[in-house]
Amino acid sequence: MHELAITEGIIRAAVPAAEAQGASRILEIRLKIGELSGVFPEYIQEYFDAASAGTIAEGAVLRVERIPVKIRCRACGRESEISRDNICCPSCGGTDLQLLAGREYFVDSLVAE
């Protein structure tokens, strides 16, 4: 259910930003969502239609770009992308990893008129 709060936050960020630029309608909201963020884009879309009703974001399309999991292995120093199903260094097999990317979620940009 935290996707509802996230969706409301997206609208609270997007609407004032678009209005500050003189926009009367948001056509598209581009999101970046990390694979390990725990945020499910399909739920955000479901909530978005209801939460944006009556705002300049009503009817906007959500475009989601997934951010892969990126790590630095503390054993061998290599940076790599990994899947959430295989959490070890692809170079040496180490599991002492520093997470560099994959937990974030944010509004990247807007298309408005």
C-alpha atoms as a PDB file:
ATOM      1  CA  MET A   1       0.000   0.000   0.000  1.00  0.00           C
ATOM      2  CA  HIS A   2       3.015   2.322   0.241  1.00  0.00           C
ATOM      3  CA  GLU A   3       2.663   2.845  -3.526  1.00  0.00           C
ATOM      4  CA  LEU A   4      -0.335   5.112  -2.814  1.00  0.00           C
ATOM      5  CA  ALA A   5       1.828   7.403  -0.667  1.00  0.00           C
ATOM      6  CA  ILE A   6       4.584   7.281  -3.291  1.00  0.00           C
ATOM      7  CA  THR A   7       2.090   8.105  -6.033  1.00  0.00           C
ATOM      8  CA  GLU A   8       0.740  11.049  -4.064  1.00  0.00           C
ATOM      9  CA  GLY A   9       4.329  12.235  -3.582  1.00  0.00           C
ATOM     10  CA  ILE A  10       4.934  12.029  -7.334  1.00  0.00           C
ATOM     11  CA  ILE A  11       1.889  14.221  -7.957  1.00  0.00           C
ATOM     12  CA  ARG A  12       2.940  16.673  -5.195  1.00  0.00           C
ATOM     13  CA  ALA A  13       6.345  16.998  -6.869  1.00  0.00           C
ATOM     14  CA  ALA A  14       5.203  17.092 -10.505  1.00  0.00           C
ATOM     15  CA  VAL A  15       2.248  19.493 -10.361  1.00  0.00           C
ATOM     16  CA  PRO A  16       4.028  22.469  -8.712  1.00  0.00           C
ATOM     17  CA  ALA A  17       7.100  21.944 -10.921  1.00  0.00           C
ATOM     18  CA  ALA A  18       4.962  22.032 -14.066  1.00  0.00           C
ATOM     19  CA  GLU A  19       2.893  24.993 -12.857  1.00  0.00           C
ATOM     20  CA  ALA A  20       6.071  26.935 -12.023  1.00  0.00           C
ATOM     21  CA  GLN A  21       7.012  26.618 -15.701  1.00  0.00           C
ATOM     22  CA  GLY A  22       3.583  27.873 -16.805  1.00  0.00           C
ATOM     23  CA  ALA A  23       2.231  24.482 -17.867  1.00  0.00           C
ATOM     24  CA  SER A  24      -1.490  23.898 -17.905  1.00  0.00           C
ATOM     25  CA  ARG A  25      -1.313  20.135 -18.426  1.00  0.00           C
ATOM     26  CA  ILE A  26       1.184  17.356 -17.723  1.00  0.00           C
ATOM     27  CA  LEU A  27       1.334  14.883 -20.592  1.00  0.00           C
ATOM     28  CA  GLU A  28       3.988  12.502 -19.294  1.00  0.00           C
ATOM     29  CA  ILE A  29       5.845  11.835 -16.058  1.00  0.00           C
ATOM     30  CA  ARG A  30       9.119   9.943 -16.369  1.00  0.00           C
ATOM     31  CA  LEU A  31      10.106   7.933 -13.331  1.00  0.00           C
ATOM     32  CA  LYS A  32      13.260   6.035 -12.463  1.00  0.00           C
ATOM     33  CA  ILE A  33      12.733   3.110 -10.124  1.00  0.00           C
ATOM     34  CA  GLY A  34      15.466   0.855  -8.766  1.00  0.00           C
ATOM     35  CA  GLU A  35      15.088  -2.915  -8.925  1.00  0.00           C
ATOM     36  CA  LEU A  36      15.581  -3.168  -5.139  1.00  0.00           C
ATOM     37  CA  SER A  37      13.414  -0.168  -4.219  1.00  0.00           C
ATOM     38  CA  GLY A  38      10.382  -2.249  -3.317  1.00  0.00           C
ATOM     39  CA  VAL A  39       8.271   0.004  -5.545  1.00  0.00           C
ATOM     40  CA  PHE A  40       6.015  -1.733  -8.050  1.00  0.00           C
ATOM     41  CA  PRO A  41       5.319   0.428 -11.136  1.00  0.00           C
ATOM     42  CA  GLU A  42       2.085  -1.395 -11.949  1.00  0.00           C
ATOM     43  CA  TYR A  43       0.602  -0.351  -8.586  1.00  0.00           C
ATOM     44  CA  ILE A  44       1.731   3.235  -9.031  1.00  0.00           C
ATOM     45  CA  GLN A  45      -0.112   3.372 -12.355  1.00  0.00           C
ATOM     46  CA  GLU A  46      -3.284   2.010 -10.738  1.00  0.00           C
ATOM     47  CA  TYR A  47      -3.208   4.635  -7.980  1.00  0.00           C
ATOM     48  CA  PHE A  48      -2.095   7.427 -10.283  1.00  0.00           C
ATOM     49  CA  ASP A  49      -5.332   7.574 -12.260  1.00  0.00           C
ATOM     50  CA  ALA A  50      -7.400   8.151  -9.121  1.00  0.00           C
ATOM     51  CA  ALA A  51      -4.894  10.328  -7.243  1.00  0.00           C
ATOM     52  CA  SER A  52      -4.316  12.697 -10.174  1.00  0.00           C
ATOM     53  CA  ALA A  53      -8.023  13.312 -10.873  1.00  0.00           C
ATOM     54  CA  GLY A  54      -8.789  17.017 -10.894  1.00  0.00           C
ATOM     55  CA  THR A  55      -5.132  18.051 -11.207  1.00  0.00           C
ATOM     56  CA  ILE A  56      -3.125  19.106 -14.255  1.00  0.00           C
ATOM     57  CA  ALA A  57      -1.580  15.612 -14.116  1.00  0.00           C
ATOM     58  CA  GLU A  58      -4.908  13.917 -14.814  1.00  0.00           C
ATOM     59  CA  GLY A  59      -4.553  11.693 -17.870  1.00  0.00           C
ATOM     60  CA  ALA A  60      -0.737  11.891 -17.900  1.00  0.00           C
ATOM     61  CA  VAL A  61       1.208   8.838 -18.977  1.00  0.00           C
ATOM     62  CA  LEU A  62       3.718   7.364 -16.563  1.00  0.00           C
ATOM     63  CA  ARG A  63       6.945   6.151 -18.167  1.00  0.00           C
ATOM     64  CA  VAL A  64       9.108   4.001 -15.933  1.00  0.00           C
ATOM     65  CA  GLU A  65      12.770   3.263 -16.434  1.00  0.00           C
ATOM     66  CA  ARG A  66      14.062   0.516 -14.150  1.00  0.00           C
ATOM     67  CA  ILE A  67      17.462   1.118 -12.558  1.00  0.00           C
ATOM     68  CA  PRO A  68      19.474  -2.094 -12.339  1.00  0.00           C
ATOM     69  CA  VAL A  69      21.237  -3.247  -9.189  1.00  0.00           C
ATOM     70  CA  LYS A  70      24.833  -2.057  -9.303  1.00  0.00           C
ATOM     71  CA  ILE A  71      27.429  -3.155  -6.763  1.00  0.00           C
ATOM     72  CA  ARG A  72      31.095  -2.790  -5.900  1.00  0.00           C
ATOM     73  CA  CYS A  73      32.731  -5.944  -4.596  1.00  0.00           C
ATOM     74  CA  ARG A  74      34.794  -5.242  -1.507  1.00  0.00           C
ATOM     75  CA  ALA A  75      36.886  -8.352  -2.178  1.00  0.00           C
ATOM     76  CA  CYS A  76      38.040  -7.646  -5.748  1.00  0.00           C
ATOM     77  CA  GLY A  77      37.021  -3.986  -6.213  1.00  0.00           C
ATOM     78  CA  ARG A  78      35.031  -4.579  -9.412  1.00  0.00           C
ATOM     79  CA  GLU A  79      31.810  -2.706 -10.125  1.00  0.00           C
ATOM     80  CA  SER A  80      29.088  -4.781 -11.753  1.00  0.00           C
ATOM     81  CA  GLU A  81      25.375  -5.029 -12.383  1.00  0.00           C
ATOM     82  CA  ILE A  82      23.739  -8.019 -10.756  1.00  0.00           C
ATOM     83  CA  SER A  83      20.252  -9.476 -10.612  1.00  0.00           C
ATOM     84  CA  ARG A  84      18.299  -9.635  -7.407  1.00  0.00           C
ATOM     85  CA  ASP A  85      18.246 -13.427  -7.817  1.00  0.00           C
ATOM     86  CA  ASN A  86      22.044 -13.803  -7.755  1.00  0.00           C
ATOM     87  CA  ILE A  87      23.525 -11.474  -5.177  1.00  0.00           C
ATOM     88  CA  CYS A  88      27.226 -12.125  -5.532  1.00  0.00           C
ATOM     89  CA  CYS A  89      30.092 -10.615  -7.480  1.00  0.00           C
ATOM     90  CA  PRO A  90      30.075 -11.927 -11.058  1.00  0.00           C
ATOM     91  CA  SER A  91      33.879 -11.576 -11.164  1.00  0.00           C
ATOM     92  CA  CYS A  92      35.006 -13.384  -8.019  1.00  0.00           C
ATOM     93  CA  GLY A  93      31.828 -14.763  -6.421  1.00  0.00           C
ATOM     94  CA  GLY A  94      32.280 -12.611  -3.331  1.00  0.00           C
ATOM     95  CA  THR A  95      29.303 -11.594  -1.225  1.00  0.00           C
ATOM     96  CA  ASP A  96      30.787  -8.608   0.619  1.00  0.00           C
ATOM     97  CA  LEU A  97      29.153  -6.041  -1.644  1.00  0.00           C
ATOM     98  CA  GLN A  98      28.555  -2.320  -1.514  1.00  0.00           C
ATOM     99  CA  LEU A  99      25.282  -1.300  -3.138  1.00  0.00           C
ATOM    100  CA  LEU A 100      25.829   1.568  -5.583  1.00  0.00           C
ATOM    101  CA  ALA A 101      22.424   1.729  -7.294  1.00  0.00           C
ATOM    102  CA  GLY A 102      19.088  -0.018  -7.345  1.00  0.00           C
ATOM    103  CA  ARG A 103      17.162   1.253  -4.320  1.00  0.00           C
ATOM    104  CA  GLU A 104      16.247   4.716  -5.582  1.00  0.00           C
ATOM    105  CA  TYR A 105      12.992   6.004  -7.034  1.00  0.00           C
ATOM    106  CA  PHE A 106      12.342   9.515  -8.293  1.00  0.00           C
ATOM    107  CA  VAL A 107      10.673  11.736 -10.882  1.00  0.00           C
ATOM    108  CA  ASP A 108      13.252  12.161 -13.630  1.00  0.00           C
ATOM    109  CA  SER A 109      11.421  14.565 -15.918  1.00  0.00           C
ATOM    110  CA  LEU A 110       8.058  15.840 -17.148  1.00  0.00           C
ATOM    111  CA  VAL A 111       6.499  16.538 -20.506  1.00  0.00           C
ATOM    112  CA  ALA A 112       3.925  19.297 -20.221  1.00  0.00           C
ATOM    113  CA  GLU A 113       2.104  21.883 -22.277  1.00  0.00           C
END
